[in-house]
């Protein structure tokens, strides 16, 4: 393999890893914002903070499942 091809492959791999990392950060931020907004709306409708927090925890669990599925699919294709 030529040295130029190897360098280009490394650059593209680094770009892909950076994109995945940025996606992971953005996804976490959006889930956090959604969860807080959902909690505020539940509290505004008269639910206790504890119950609203418990119900909104499902967003966090869903995020973990999505990330786990992504990682499993990534490891499965190696």
PDB file of N, CA and C in Angstrom:
ATOM      1  N   UNK A   1       0.846  -1.169   0.000  1.00  0.00           N
ATOM      2  CA  UNK A   1       0.000   0.000   0.000  1.00  0.00           C
ATOM      3  C   UNK A   1       0.894   1.235   0.000  1.00  0.00           C
ATOM      4  N   UNK A   2       0.524   2.213  -0.758  1.00  0.00           N
ATOM      5  CA  UNK A   2       1.310   3.434  -0.825  1.00  0.00           C
ATOM      6  C   UNK A   2       1.144   4.241   0.459  1.00  0.00           C
ATOM      7  N   UNK A   3       2.144   5.002   0.764  1.00  0.00           N
ATOM      8  CA  UNK A   3       2.134   5.823   1.972  1.00  0.00           C
ATOM      9  C   UNK A   3       1.014   6.859   1.918  1.00  0.00           C
ATOM     10  N   UNK A   4       0.773   7.436   0.757  1.00  0.00           N
ATOM     11  CA  UNK A   4      -0.293   8.431   0.610  1.00  0.00           C
ATOM     12  C   UNK A   4      -1.660   7.837   0.891  1.00  0.00           C
ATOM     13  N   UNK A   5      -1.886   6.612   0.440  1.00  0.00           N
ATOM     14  CA  UNK A   5      -3.160   5.941   0.689  1.00  0.00           C
ATOM     15  C   UNK A   5      -3.354   5.679   2.172  1.00  0.00           C
ATOM     16  N   UNK A   6      -2.271   5.294   2.822  1.00  0.00           N
ATOM     17  CA  UNK A   6      -2.334   5.023   4.256  1.00  0.00           C
ATOM     18  C   UNK A   6      -2.648   6.301   5.039  1.00  0.00           C
ATOM     19  N   UNK A   7      -2.018   7.397   4.658  1.00  0.00           N
ATOM     20  CA  UNK A   7      -2.265   8.678   5.328  1.00  0.00           C
ATOM     21  C   UNK A   7      -3.709   9.105   5.109  1.00  0.00           C
ATOM     22  N   UNK A   8      -4.209   8.973   3.881  1.00  0.00           N
ATOM     23  CA  UNK A   8      -5.593   9.351   3.595  1.00  0.00           C
ATOM     24  C   UNK A   8      -6.572   8.481   4.391  1.00  0.00           C
ATOM     25  N   UNK A   9      -6.292   7.192   4.501  1.00  0.00           N
ATOM     26  CA  UNK A   9      -7.152   6.300   5.275  1.00  0.00           C
ATOM     27  C   UNK A   9      -7.166   6.718   6.745  1.00  0.00           C
ATOM     28  N   UNK A  10      -6.015   7.099   7.264  1.00  0.00           N
ATOM     29  CA  UNK A  10      -5.947   7.536   8.661  1.00  0.00           C
ATOM     30  C   UNK A  10      -6.709   8.842   8.856  1.00  0.00           C
ATOM     31  N   UNK A  11      -6.603   9.760   7.914  1.00  0.00           N
ATOM     32  CA  UNK A  11      -7.324  11.023   8.021  1.00  0.00           C
ATOM     33  C   UNK A  11      -8.835  10.814   7.971  1.00  0.00           C
ATOM     34  N   UNK A  12      -9.276   9.955   7.069  1.00  0.00           N
ATOM     35  CA  UNK A  12     -10.711   9.675   6.977  1.00  0.00           C
ATOM     36  C   UNK A  12     -11.224   8.966   8.225  1.00  0.00           C
ATOM     37  N   UNK A  13     -10.393   8.074   8.780  1.00  0.00           N
ATOM     38  CA  UNK A  13     -10.780   7.385  10.018  1.00  0.00           C
ATOM     39  C   UNK A  13     -10.884   8.371  11.176  1.00  0.00           C
ATOM     40  N   UNK A  14      -9.951   9.298  11.246  1.00  0.00           N
ATOM     41  CA  UNK A  14      -9.989  10.309  12.313  1.00  0.00           C
ATOM     42  C   UNK A  14     -11.224  11.190  12.161  1.00  0.00           C
ATOM     43  N   UNK A  15     -11.547  11.556  10.929  1.00  0.00           N
ATOM     44  CA  UNK A  15     -12.730  12.381  10.691  1.00  0.00           C
ATOM     45  C   UNK A  15     -13.997  11.634  11.100  1.00  0.00           C
ATOM     46  N   UNK A  16     -14.059  10.351  10.774  1.00  0.00           N
ATOM     47  CA  UNK A  16     -15.216   9.536  11.146  1.00  0.00           C
ATOM     48  C   UNK A  16     -15.345   9.413  12.660  1.00  0.00           C
ATOM     49  N   UNK A  17     -14.237   9.172  13.344  1.00  0.00           N
ATOM     50  CA  UNK A  17     -14.266   9.075  14.806  1.00  0.00           C
ATOM     51  C   UNK A  17     -14.699  10.396  15.444  1.00  0.00           C
ATOM     52  N   UNK A  18     -14.219  11.512  14.905  1.00  0.00           N
ATOM     53  CA  UNK A  18     -14.622  12.815  15.421  1.00  0.00           C
ATOM     54  C   UNK A  18     -16.123  13.023  15.224  1.00  0.00           C
ATOM     55  N   UNK A  19     -16.637  12.630  14.066  1.00  0.00           N
ATOM     56  CA  UNK A  19     -18.069  12.775  13.794  1.00  0.00           C
ATOM     57  C   UNK A  19     -18.909  11.928  14.746  1.00  0.00           C
ATOM     58  N   UNK A  20     -18.471  10.715  15.004  1.00  0.00           N
ATOM     59  CA  UNK A  20     -19.203   9.837  15.926  1.00  0.00           C
ATOM     60  C   UNK A  20     -19.167  10.417  17.336  1.00  0.00           C
ATOM     61  N   UNK A  21     -18.031  10.947  17.737  1.00  0.00           N
ATOM     62  CA  UNK A  21     -17.914  11.552  19.058  1.00  0.00           C
ATOM     63  C   UNK A  21     -18.828  12.777  19.172  1.00  0.00           C
ATOM     64  N   UNK A  22     -18.851  13.610  18.137  1.00  0.00           N
ATOM     65  CA  UNK A  22     -19.726  14.786  18.137  1.00  0.00           C
ATOM     66  C   UNK A  22     -21.192  14.364  18.178  1.00  0.00           C
ATOM     67  N   UNK A  23     -21.535  13.310  17.473  1.00  0.00           N
ATOM     68  CA  UNK A  23     -22.900  12.793  17.488  1.00  0.00           C
ATOM     69  C   UNK A  23     -23.273  12.307  18.883  1.00  0.00           C
ATOM     70  N   UNK A  24     -22.359  11.622  19.546  1.00  0.00           N
ATOM     71  CA  UNK A  24     -22.600  11.110  20.889  1.00  0.00           C
ATOM     72  C   UNK A  24     -22.827  12.269  21.865  1.00  0.00           C
ATOM     73  N   UNK A  25     -21.990  13.314  21.769  1.00  0.00           N
ATOM     74  CA  UNK A  25     -22.158  14.472  22.649  1.00  0.00           C
ATOM     75  C   UNK A  25     -23.480  15.181  22.391  1.00  0.00           C
ATOM     76  N   UNK A  26     -23.804  15.386  21.134  1.00  0.00           N
ATOM     77  CA  UNK A  26     -25.049  16.067  20.769  1.00  0.00           C
ATOM     78  C   UNK A  26     -26.258  15.272  21.228  1.00  0.00           C
ATOM     79  N   UNK A  27     -26.213  13.975  21.031  1.00  0.00           N
ATOM     80  CA  UNK A  27     -27.315  13.108  21.436  1.00  0.00           C
ATOM     81  C   UNK A  27     -27.535  13.189  22.944  1.00  0.00           C
ATOM     82  N   UNK A  28     -26.445  13.134  23.710  1.00  0.00           N
ATOM     83  CA  UNK A  28     -26.549  13.239  25.160  1.00  0.00           C
ATOM     84  C   UNK A  28     -27.134  14.577  25.593  1.00  0.00           C
ATOM     85  N   UNK A  29     -26.698  15.651  24.935  1.00  0.00           N
ATOM     86  CA  UNK A  29     -27.201  16.982  25.264  1.00  0.00           C
ATOM     87  C   UNK A  29     -28.686  17.098  24.956  1.00  0.00           C
ATOM     88  N   UNK A  30     -29.114  16.597  23.809  1.00  0.00           N
ATOM     89  CA  UNK A  30     -30.529  16.675  23.414  1.00  0.00           C
ATOM     90  C   UNK A  30     -31.411  15.850  24.346  1.00  0.00           C
ATOM     91  N   UNK A  31     -30.931  14.682  24.756  1.00  0.00           N
ATOM     92  CA  UNK A  31     -31.704  13.850  25.685  1.00  0.00           C
ATOM     93  C   UNK A  31     -31.841  14.563  27.022  1.00  0.00           C
ATOM     94  N   UNK A  32     -30.776  15.191  27.476  1.00  0.00           N
ATOM     95  CA  UNK A  32     -30.808  15.918  28.746  1.00  0.00           C
ATOM     96  C   UNK A  32     -31.815  17.069  28.679  1.00  0.00           C
ATOM     97  N   UNK A  33     -31.779  17.838  27.594  1.00  0.00           N
ATOM     98  CA  UNK A  33     -32.715  18.951  27.433  1.00  0.00           C
ATOM     99  C   UNK A  33     -34.159  18.457  27.356  1.00  0.00           C
ATOM    100  N   UNK A  34     -34.383  17.381  26.629  1.00  0.00           N
ATOM    101  CA  UNK A  34     -35.734  16.827  26.493  1.00  0.00           C
ATOM    102  C   UNK A  34     -36.246  16.334  27.836  1.00  0.00           C
ATOM    103  N   UNK A  35     -35.379  15.673  28.562  1.00  0.00           N
ATOM    104  CA  UNK A  35     -35.774  15.148  29.864  1.00  0.00           C
ATOM    105  C   UNK A  35     -36.157  16.263  30.825  1.00  0.00           C
ATOM    106  N   UNK A  36     -35.360  17.310  30.872  1.00  0.00           N
ATOM    107  CA  UNK A  36     -35.650  18.443  31.761  1.00  0.00           C
ATOM    108  C   UNK A  36     -36.954  19.131  31.366  1.00  0.00           C
ATOM    109  N   UNK A  37     -37.173  19.314  30.060  1.00  0.00           N
ATOM    110  CA  UNK A  37     -38.409  19.955  29.599  1.00  0.00           C
ATOM    111  C   UNK A  37     -39.617  19.094  29.946  1.00  0.00           C
ATOM    112  N   UNK A  38     -39.480  17.787  29.809  1.00  0.00           N
ATOM    113  CA  UNK A  38     -40.561  16.872  30.137  1.00  0.00           C
ATOM    114  C   UNK A  38     -40.874  16.928  31.631  1.00  0.00           C
ATOM    115  N   UNK A  39     -39.826  16.948  32.460  1.00  0.00           N
ATOM    116  CA  UNK A  39     -40.020  17.057  33.904  1.00  0.00           C
ATOM    117  C   UNK A  39     -40.730  18.362  34.265  1.00  0.00           C
ATOM    118  N   UNK A  40     -40.291  19.467  33.682  1.00  0.00           N
ATOM    119  CA  UNK A  40     -40.926  20.755  33.970  1.00  0.00           C
ATOM    120  C   UNK A  40     -42.398  20.744  33.594  1.00  0.00           C
ATOM    121  N   UNK A  41     -42.725  20.138  32.471  1.00  0.00           N
ATOM    122  CA  UNK A  41     -44.124  20.093  32.039  1.00  0.00           C
ATOM    123  C   UNK A  41     -44.957  19.225  32.984  1.00  0.00           C
ATOM    124  N   UNK A  42     -44.403  18.095  33.412  1.00  0.00           N
ATOM    125  CA  UNK A  42     -45.129  17.237  34.353  1.00  0.00           C
ATOM    126  C   UNK A  42     -45.357  17.963  35.679  1.00  0.00           C
ATOM    127  N   UNK A  43     -44.342  18.658  36.155  1.00  0.00           N
ATOM    128  CA  UNK A  43     -44.469  19.399  37.409  1.00  0.00           C
ATOM    129  C   UNK A  43     -45.490  20.522  37.252  1.00  0.00           C
ATOM    130  N   UNK A  44     -45.461  21.184  36.103  1.00  0.00           N
ATOM    131  CA  UNK A  44     -46.425  22.257  35.842  1.00  0.00           C
ATOM    132  C   UNK A  44     -47.855  21.734  35.821  1.00  0.00           C
ATOM    133  N   UNK A  45     -48.013  20.484  35.429  1.00  0.00           N
ATOM    134  CA  UNK A  45     -49.347  19.880  35.386  1.00  0.00           C
ATOM    135  C   UNK A  45     -49.782  19.334  36.752  1.00  0.00           C
ATOM    136  N   UNK A  46     -48.902  19.428  37.759  1.00  0.00           N
ATOM    137  CA  UNK A  46     -49.294  19.060  39.112  1.00  0.00           C
ATOM    138  C   UNK A  46     -48.654  17.803  39.668  1.00  0.00           C
ATOM    139  N   UNK A  47     -47.722  17.211  38.959  1.00  0.00           N
ATOM    140  CA  UNK A  47     -47.068  15.998  39.451  1.00  0.00           C
ATOM    141  C   UNK A  47     -45.930  16.384  40.396  1.00  0.00           C
ATOM    142  N   UNK A  48     -45.616  15.521  41.337  1.00  0.00           N
ATOM    143  CA  UNK A  48     -44.512  15.804  42.257  1.00  0.00           C
ATOM    144  C   UNK A  48     -43.175  15.691  41.506  1.00  0.00           C
ATOM    145  N   UNK A  49     -42.155  16.382  42.035  1.00  0.00           N
ATOM    146  CA  UNK A  49     -40.838  16.365  41.392  1.00  0.00           C
ATOM    147  C   UNK A  49     -40.261  14.951  41.353  1.00  0.00           C
ATOM    148  N   UNK A  50     -40.462  14.222  42.437  1.00  0.00           N
ATOM    149  CA  UNK A  50     -39.915  12.866  42.517  1.00  0.00           C
ATOM    150  C   UNK A  50     -40.525  11.973  41.437  1.00  0.00           C
ATOM    151  N   UNK A  51     -41.838  12.028  41.280  1.00  0.00           N
ATOM    152  CA  UNK A  51     -42.502  11.204  40.272  1.00  0.00           C
ATOM    153  C   UNK A  51     -42.132  11.641  38.857  1.00  0.00           C
ATOM    154  N   UNK A  52     -42.028  12.949  38.639  1.00  0.00           N
ATOM    155  CA  UNK A  52     -41.649  13.460  37.318  1.00  0.00           C
ATOM    156  C   UNK A  52     -40.237  12.999  36.960  1.00  0.00           C
ATOM    157  N   UNK A  53     -39.346  13.029  37.943  1.00  0.00           N
ATOM    158  CA  UNK A  53     -37.975  12.576  37.717  1.00  0.00           C
ATOM    159  C   UNK A  53     -37.947  11.082  37.395  1.00  0.00           C
ATOM    160  N   UNK A  54     -38.737  10.314  38.120  1.00  0.00           N
ATOM    161  CA  UNK A  54     -38.783   8.868  37.902  1.00  0.00           C
ATOM    162  C   UNK A  54     -39.304   8.537  36.502  1.00  0.00           C
ATOM    163  N   UNK A  55     -40.337   9.234  36.069  1.00  0.00           N
ATOM    164  CA  UNK A  55     -40.911   8.982  34.744  1.00  0.00           C
ATOM    165  C   UNK A  55     -39.950   9.436  33.647  1.00  0.00           C
ATOM    166  N   UNK A  56     -39.324  10.600  33.820  1.00  0.00           N
ATOM    167  CA  UNK A  56     -38.430  11.108  32.778  1.00  0.00           C
ATOM    168  C   UNK A  56     -37.147  10.298  32.681  1.00  0.00           C
ATOM    169  N   UNK A  57     -36.868   9.493  33.680  1.00  0.00           N
ATOM    170  CA  UNK A  57     -35.681   8.624  33.659  1.00  0.00           C
ATOM    171  C   UNK A  57     -35.740   7.656  32.475  1.00  0.00           C
ATOM    172  N   UNK A  58     -36.913   7.398  31.960  1.00  0.00           N
ATOM    173  CA  UNK A  58     -37.054   6.496  30.814  1.00  0.00           C
ATOM    174  C   UNK A  58     -36.326   7.029  29.584  1.00  0.00           C
ATOM    175  N   UNK A  59     -36.217   8.358  29.441  1.00  0.00           N
ATOM    176  CA  UNK A  59     -35.457   8.934  28.331  1.00  0.00           C
ATOM    177  C   UNK A  59     -33.989   8.531  28.428  1.00  0.00           C
ATOM    178  N   UNK A  60     -33.462   8.542  29.638  1.00  0.00           N
ATOM    179  CA  UNK A  60     -32.073   8.156  29.861  1.00  0.00           C
ATOM    180  C   UNK A  60     -31.873   6.674  29.538  1.00  0.00           C
ATOM    181  N   UNK A  61     -32.818   5.852  29.946  1.00  0.00           N
ATOM    182  CA  UNK A  61     -32.726   4.420  29.647  1.00  0.00           C
ATOM    183  C   UNK A  61     -32.790   4.166  28.146  1.00  0.00           C
ATOM    184  N   UNK A  62     -33.645   4.894  27.457  1.00  0.00           N
ATOM    185  CA  UNK A  62     -33.751   4.754  26.009  1.00  0.00           C
ATOM    186  C   UNK A  62     -32.453   5.174  25.329  1.00  0.00           C
ATOM    187  N   UNK A  63     -31.835   6.238  25.815  1.00  0.00           N
ATOM    188  CA  UNK A  63     -30.547   6.688  25.269  1.00  0.00           C
ATOM    189  C   UNK A  63     -29.495   5.596  25.432  1.00  0.00           C
ATOM    190  N   UNK A  64     -29.456   4.975  26.598  1.00  0.00           N
ATOM    191  CA  UNK A  64     -28.502   3.894  26.832  1.00  0.00           C
ATOM    192  C   UNK A  64     -28.740   2.722  25.881  1.00  0.00           C
ATOM    193  N   UNK A  65     -30.001   2.395  25.637  1.00  0.00           N
ATOM    194  CA  UNK A  65     -30.321   1.301  24.719  1.00  0.00           C
ATOM    195  C   UNK A  65     -29.896   1.627  23.292  1.00  0.00           C
ATOM    196  N   UNK A  66     -30.118   2.864  22.861  1.00  0.00           N
ATOM    197  CA  UNK A  66     -29.732   3.264  21.502  1.00  0.00           C
ATOM    198  C   UNK A  66     -28.219   3.212  21.344  1.00  0.00           C
ATOM    199  N   UNK A  67     -27.490   3.730  22.314  1.00  0.00           N
ATOM    200  CA  UNK A  67     -26.029   3.708  22.244  1.00  0.00           C
ATOM    201  C   UNK A  67     -25.525   2.274  22.295  1.00  0.00           C
ATOM    202  N   UNK A  68     -26.125   1.445  23.117  1.00  0.00           N
ATOM    203  CA  UNK A  68     -25.734   0.046  23.199  1.00  0.00           C
ATOM    204  C   UNK A  68     -25.967  -0.668  21.868  1.00  0.00           C
ATOM    205  N   UNK A  69     -27.103  -0.403  21.231  1.00  0.00           N
ATOM    206  CA  UNK A  69     -27.392  -1.019  19.931  1.00  0.00           C
ATOM    207  C   UNK A  69     -26.395  -0.554  18.877  1.00  0.00           C
ATOM    208  N   UNK A  70     -26.038   0.733  18.913  1.00  0.00           N
ATOM    209  CA  UNK A  70     -25.051   1.249  17.969  1.00  0.00           C
ATOM    210  C   UNK A  70     -23.708   0.576  18.178  1.00  0.00           C
ATOM    211  N   UNK A  71     -23.265   0.473  19.426  1.00  0.00           N
ATOM    212  CA  UNK A  71     -21.976  -0.149  19.719  1.00  0.00           C
ATOM    213  C   UNK A  71     -21.973  -1.624  19.342  1.00  0.00           C
ATOM    214  N   UNK A  72     -23.112  -2.311  19.569  1.00  0.00           N
ATOM    215  CA  UNK A  72     -23.194  -3.716  19.202  1.00  0.00           C
ATOM    216  C   UNK A  72     -23.101  -3.878  17.688  1.00  0.00           C
ATOM    217  N   UNK A  73     -23.759  -2.995  16.938  1.00  0.00           N
ATOM    218  CA  UNK A  73     -23.693  -3.101  15.481  1.00  0.00           C
ATOM    219  C   UNK A  73     -22.293  -2.755  14.973  1.00  0.00           C
ATOM    220  N   UNK A  74     -21.622  -1.834  15.643  1.00  0.00           N
ATOM    221  CA  UNK A  74     -20.253  -1.477  15.251  1.00  0.00           C
ATOM    222  C   UNK A  74     -19.308  -2.646  15.501  1.00  0.00           C
ATOM    223  N   UNK A  75     -19.439  -3.267  16.649  1.00  0.00           N
ATOM    224  CA  UNK A  75     -18.557  -4.408  16.981  1.00  0.00           C
ATOM    225  C   UNK A  75     -18.872  -5.624  16.128  1.00  0.00           C
ATOM    226  N   UNK A  76     -20.126  -5.749  15.706  1.00  0.00           N
ATOM    227  CA  UNK A  76     -20.516  -6.900  14.910  1.00  0.00           C
ATOM    228  C   UNK A  76     -19.965  -6.893  13.508  1.00  0.00           C
ATOM    229  N   UNK A  77     -19.608  -5.717  12.976  1.00  0.00           N
ATOM    230  CA  UNK A  77     -19.119  -5.610  11.602  1.00  0.00           C
ATOM    231  C   UNK A  77     -17.602  -5.568  11.510  1.00  0.00           C
ATOM    232  N   UNK A  78     -16.937  -5.718  12.597  1.00  0.00           N
ATOM    233  CA  UNK A  78     -15.463  -5.667  12.565  1.00  0.00           C
ATOM    234  C   UNK A  78     -14.869  -6.949  12.135  1.00  0.00           C
TER     235      UNK A  78
END
